[in-house]
Protein backbone atom coordinates (compact mmCIF):
# COMPACT_ATOMS: atom_id res chain seq x y z
CA MET A 1 -32.79 22.21 23.83
CA ALA A 2 -32.95 25.73 22.42
CA ILE A 3 -31.57 26.34 18.95
CA ARG A 4 -28.31 28.30 19.14
CA ALA A 5 -26.85 28.01 15.63
CA LEU A 6 -27.77 27.93 11.96
CA LEU A 7 -25.47 26.10 9.52
CA PHE A 8 -25.79 26.94 5.84
CA ASP A 9 -24.50 25.22 2.74
CA PHE A 10 -23.18 27.62 0.10
CA ASP A 11 -23.45 26.49 -3.53
CA GLY A 12 -27.09 26.23 -4.53
CA LEU A 13 -28.35 27.17 -1.09
CA LEU A 14 -27.19 30.73 -0.44
CA ILE A 15 -26.51 31.47 -4.11
CA ASP A 16 -27.67 29.42 -7.08
CA THR A 17 -24.26 28.66 -8.51
CA GLU A 18 -25.51 25.24 -9.61
CA SER A 19 -27.62 26.53 -12.52
CA PRO A 20 -24.77 28.54 -14.12
CA SER A 21 -22.44 25.58 -13.68
CA ARG A 22 -24.79 23.17 -15.41
CA LEU A 23 -25.59 25.68 -18.15
CA GLY A 24 -21.88 26.07 -18.90
CA TRP A 25 -21.57 22.33 -19.42
CA GLU A 26 -24.80 22.16 -21.42
CA GLU A 27 -23.58 24.83 -23.82
CA LEU A 28 -20.25 23.04 -24.20
CA TYR A 29 -21.96 19.74 -24.99
CA ARG A 30 -24.21 21.39 -27.55
CA GLU A 31 -21.20 22.88 -29.32
CA TYR A 32 -20.37 19.27 -30.17
CA GLY A 33 -23.94 18.26 -30.98
CA HIS A 34 -24.69 16.40 -27.75
CA GLU A 35 -26.78 16.83 -24.61
CA LEU A 36 -25.46 16.76 -21.05
CA PRO A 37 -27.04 13.78 -19.22
CA LEU A 38 -28.73 15.59 -16.35
CA ASP A 39 -29.31 12.49 -14.24
CA ARG A 40 -25.59 11.71 -14.23
CA TRP A 41 -24.64 15.36 -13.72
CA ALA A 42 -26.84 15.51 -10.60
CA THR A 43 -24.68 12.93 -8.81
CA ASN A 44 -21.84 15.50 -8.64
CA VAL A 45 -23.87 18.19 -6.88
CA GLY A 46 -22.71 19.01 -3.35
CA THR A 47 -19.61 16.82 -3.23
CA LEU A 48 -16.00 16.57 -4.43
CA ASP A 49 -16.26 12.84 -5.13
CA GLU A 50 -17.87 13.57 -8.52
CA PRO A 51 -18.61 10.06 -9.80
CA PHE A 52 -19.46 11.54 -13.20
CA ASP A 53 -16.67 13.04 -15.34
CA PRO A 54 -18.49 15.27 -17.87
CA MET A 55 -15.38 16.00 -19.93
CA LEU A 56 -14.49 12.32 -20.25
CA HIS A 57 -18.08 11.54 -21.17
CA LEU A 58 -18.07 14.25 -23.85
CA GLU A 59 -14.84 12.84 -25.29
CA GLU A 60 -16.48 9.41 -25.44
CA LEU A 61 -19.46 10.89 -27.30
CA VAL A 62 -17.22 12.79 -29.73
CA GLY A 63 -14.96 9.79 -30.21
CA SER A 64 -11.66 11.64 -29.79
CA PRO A 65 -9.65 13.57 -27.16
CA LEU A 66 -10.52 17.24 -26.67
CA ASP A 67 -8.42 20.24 -25.70
CA ARG A 68 -9.51 20.06 -22.06
CA ASP A 69 -7.59 23.12 -20.87
CA ALA A 70 -9.02 25.40 -23.54
CA LEU A 71 -12.57 24.11 -23.10
CA ASP A 72 -12.41 24.37 -19.30
CA THR A 73 -11.17 27.95 -19.61
CA TRP A 74 -14.06 28.84 -21.90
CA ARG A 75 -16.59 27.08 -19.67
CA ARG A 76 -15.37 28.71 -16.46
CA ARG A 77 -15.48 32.16 -18.04
CA ARG A 78 -19.06 31.50 -19.15
CA GLU A 79 -20.03 30.30 -15.67
CA SER A 80 -18.42 33.35 -14.08
CA VAL A 81 -20.48 35.69 -16.26
CA LEU A 82 -23.67 33.88 -15.30
CA ILE A 83 -22.84 33.70 -11.58
CA GLU A 84 -22.22 37.45 -11.51
CA LEU A 85 -25.94 37.83 -12.24
CA GLU A 86 -26.98 35.76 -9.21
CA ALA A 87 -28.12 37.32 -5.94
CA LEU A 88 -28.75 35.65 -2.60
CA ARG A 89 -31.62 33.22 -2.94
CA PRO A 90 -35.06 34.33 -1.65
CA GLY A 91 -35.34 34.42 2.12
CA VAL A 92 -31.62 34.09 2.83
CA GLU A 93 -31.05 37.75 3.73
CA ASP A 94 -34.09 37.70 6.05
CA TYR A 95 -32.77 34.57 7.78
CA LEU A 96 -29.35 36.10 8.37
CA ARG A 97 -30.80 39.33 9.72
CA GLU A 98 -33.22 37.51 12.00
CA ALA A 99 -30.42 35.24 13.25
CA GLU A 100 -28.34 38.30 14.11
CA ARG A 101 -31.30 39.91 15.86
CA ARG A 102 -31.83 36.79 17.98
CA GLY A 103 -28.13 36.35 18.74
CA LEU A 104 -27.90 33.01 16.92
CA LEU A 105 -24.56 31.76 15.68
CA THR A 106 -24.21 31.29 11.92
CA ALA A 107 -21.77 29.20 9.92
CA LEU A 108 -21.11 28.32 6.31
CA VAL A 109 -20.40 24.63 5.73
CA SER A 110 -19.34 23.82 2.19
CA SER A 111 -17.51 21.23 0.13
CA SER A 112 -16.15 24.12 -1.93
CA SER A 113 -13.06 26.21 -1.15
CA ARG A 114 -12.57 29.57 0.55
CA ALA A 115 -11.01 30.81 -2.70
CA TRP A 116 -14.38 30.18 -4.37
CA ILE A 117 -16.69 31.34 -1.58
CA ASP A 118 -14.95 34.55 -0.48
CA PRO A 119 -15.18 36.50 -3.75
CA ASN A 120 -18.79 35.45 -4.26
CA LEU A 121 -19.79 36.62 -0.78
CA THR A 122 -17.69 39.78 -1.11
CA ARG A 123 -19.60 40.68 -4.28
CA LEU A 124 -22.85 40.43 -2.29
CA SER A 125 -21.45 42.21 0.81
CA ARG A 126 -21.97 39.06 2.87
CA LEU A 127 -18.45 37.85 3.65
CA ASP A 128 -18.37 39.33 7.15
CA GLY A 129 -20.53 38.35 10.09
CA TRP A 130 -20.14 34.57 10.02
CA ASP A 131 -19.06 32.88 13.23
CA ALA A 132 -17.39 30.13 11.23
CA ILE A 133 -16.73 29.26 7.60
CA VAL A 134 -15.84 25.60 7.15
CA THR A 135 -14.73 24.38 3.72
CA ALA A 136 -13.25 21.23 2.24
CA ASP A 137 -10.66 23.12 0.17
CA GLY A 138 -10.11 20.22 -2.18
CA ASP A 139 -9.95 17.53 0.50
CA ALA A 140 -12.40 14.90 -0.75
CA ALA A 141 -11.99 12.93 2.47
CA ARG A 142 -13.76 15.76 4.35
CA ALA A 143 -16.32 16.68 1.72
CA LYS A 144 -20.00 15.89 1.84
CA PRO A 145 -21.76 13.42 2.01
CA ARG A 146 -19.37 12.73 4.89
CA PRO A 147 -20.30 14.52 8.14
CA ASP A 148 -16.78 15.87 8.83
CA LEU A 149 -17.42 19.47 7.78
CA TYR A 150 -20.53 19.73 9.93
CA LEU A 151 -18.84 18.13 12.92
CA ASP A 152 -15.99 20.61 12.51
CA ALA A 153 -18.47 23.51 12.39
CA LEU A 154 -20.25 22.35 15.55
CA ASP A 155 -16.91 22.11 17.32
CA ARG A 156 -15.85 25.60 16.24
CA LEU A 157 -19.17 27.08 17.33
CA GLY A 158 -19.19 25.19 20.63
CA VAL A 159 -22.69 23.81 20.17
CA SER A 160 -24.15 20.31 20.06
CA ALA A 161 -25.99 18.87 17.09
CA ASP A 162 -29.37 19.23 18.78
CA GLU A 163 -28.73 22.96 19.23
CA ALA A 164 -28.31 23.63 15.51
CA ILE A 165 -30.19 23.49 12.21
CA ALA A 166 -28.57 22.71 8.86
CA PHE A 167 -29.84 24.10 5.56
CA GLU A 168 -29.02 22.14 2.41
CA ASP A 169 -30.07 21.89 -1.22
CA SER A 170 -28.72 18.52 -2.38
CA PRO A 171 -28.92 14.84 -1.39
CA ASN A 172 -25.18 14.78 -0.64
CA GLY A 173 -25.55 17.77 1.67
CA VAL A 174 -28.61 16.38 3.41
CA GLN A 175 -26.84 13.08 3.99
CA ALA A 176 -23.86 14.89 5.55
CA ALA A 177 -26.05 16.96 7.87
CA ARG A 178 -28.11 13.99 9.03
CA ALA A 179 -24.96 11.90 9.58
CA ALA A 180 -23.74 14.67 11.90
CA GLY A 181 -26.98 14.39 13.88
CA LEU A 182 -28.43 17.70 12.70
CA PHE A 183 -32.01 18.65 11.99
CA CYS A 184 -31.89 19.41 8.28
CA VAL A 185 -34.05 21.71 6.18
CA ALA A 186 -33.75 21.06 2.45
CA VAL A 187 -34.29 24.01 0.11
CA PRO A 188 -33.92 22.69 -3.45
CA ASN A 189 -32.82 24.92 -6.30
CA PRO A 190 -33.81 24.47 -9.98
CA ILE A 191 -31.07 21.86 -10.40
CA THR A 192 -31.87 19.77 -7.31
CA ALA A 193 -35.66 20.16 -7.29
CA THR A 194 -36.12 16.81 -9.02
CA LEU A 195 -33.68 14.93 -6.77
CA ALA A 196 -34.60 12.80 -3.77
CA LEU A 197 -34.37 14.94 -0.63
CA ASP A 198 -36.54 12.69 1.53
CA GLU A 199 -33.77 12.17 4.10
CA ALA A 200 -34.22 15.81 5.16
CA ASP A 201 -36.41 16.53 8.18
CA LEU A 202 -38.21 19.26 6.28
CA VAL A 203 -38.32 20.33 2.63
CA VAL A 204 -39.43 23.83 1.60
CA ASP A 205 -39.47 25.40 -1.85
CA SER A 206 -37.88 28.60 -0.54
CA LEU A 207 -36.70 30.02 2.76
CA ALA A 208 -39.00 32.93 1.97
CA ASP A 209 -41.92 30.51 2.40
CA LEU A 210 -40.89 29.68 5.97
CA PRO A 211 -39.51 32.67 7.92
CA LEU A 212 -37.06 31.82 10.66
CA PRO A 213 -39.45 32.65 13.55
CA ASP A 214 -41.98 30.21 12.07
CA LEU A 215 -39.35 27.49 11.69
CA LEU A 216 -38.17 27.92 15.27
CA ALA A 217 -41.77 27.81 16.49
CA ARG A 218 -42.32 24.52 14.62
CA LEU A 219 -39.29 23.01 16.30
């Protein structure tokens, strides 16, 4: 069947918010003379389940309770400054323009919230033009790696799984897309580049390396 829709993850896929987030935690850990365990941090990427609690782990390393509210406020401010420097990842703008030119439907499918996504897209003048924006909004029961968000997006767009392509950057996201029956292209960012993305149908270093017409021709 012909491809009718493109479904994009947000964090780490459209914008590299993952690197600023990890850097904020790394700087916080180093303030206390410790290093953030990157292998454990990686398990939190792309989901709300978050099996690793970095603040609890830091408290265990320090050996005493910390002022969580104050430290979280500092960390979030630091992350915000870093995220403000991020643009759309390479190739994303070309994909969105080519999708519009071809009349393809586009959707954002994210475990994050609209309150997080909207201001980031507004800053980059990319909030408008989506046919659907599907978010977990704090509901872990819908978040990736479960397929619920993708199934919701397919329903809103009125397309079947074999008429759409999902673009993800993390193992949790890839698992969600594949569980929904979607062809999945993995585009790792600096944080997820060392993670196992072998469940994806295709892995590319950057969307700029595989223009949309070439991807559609391959399919």
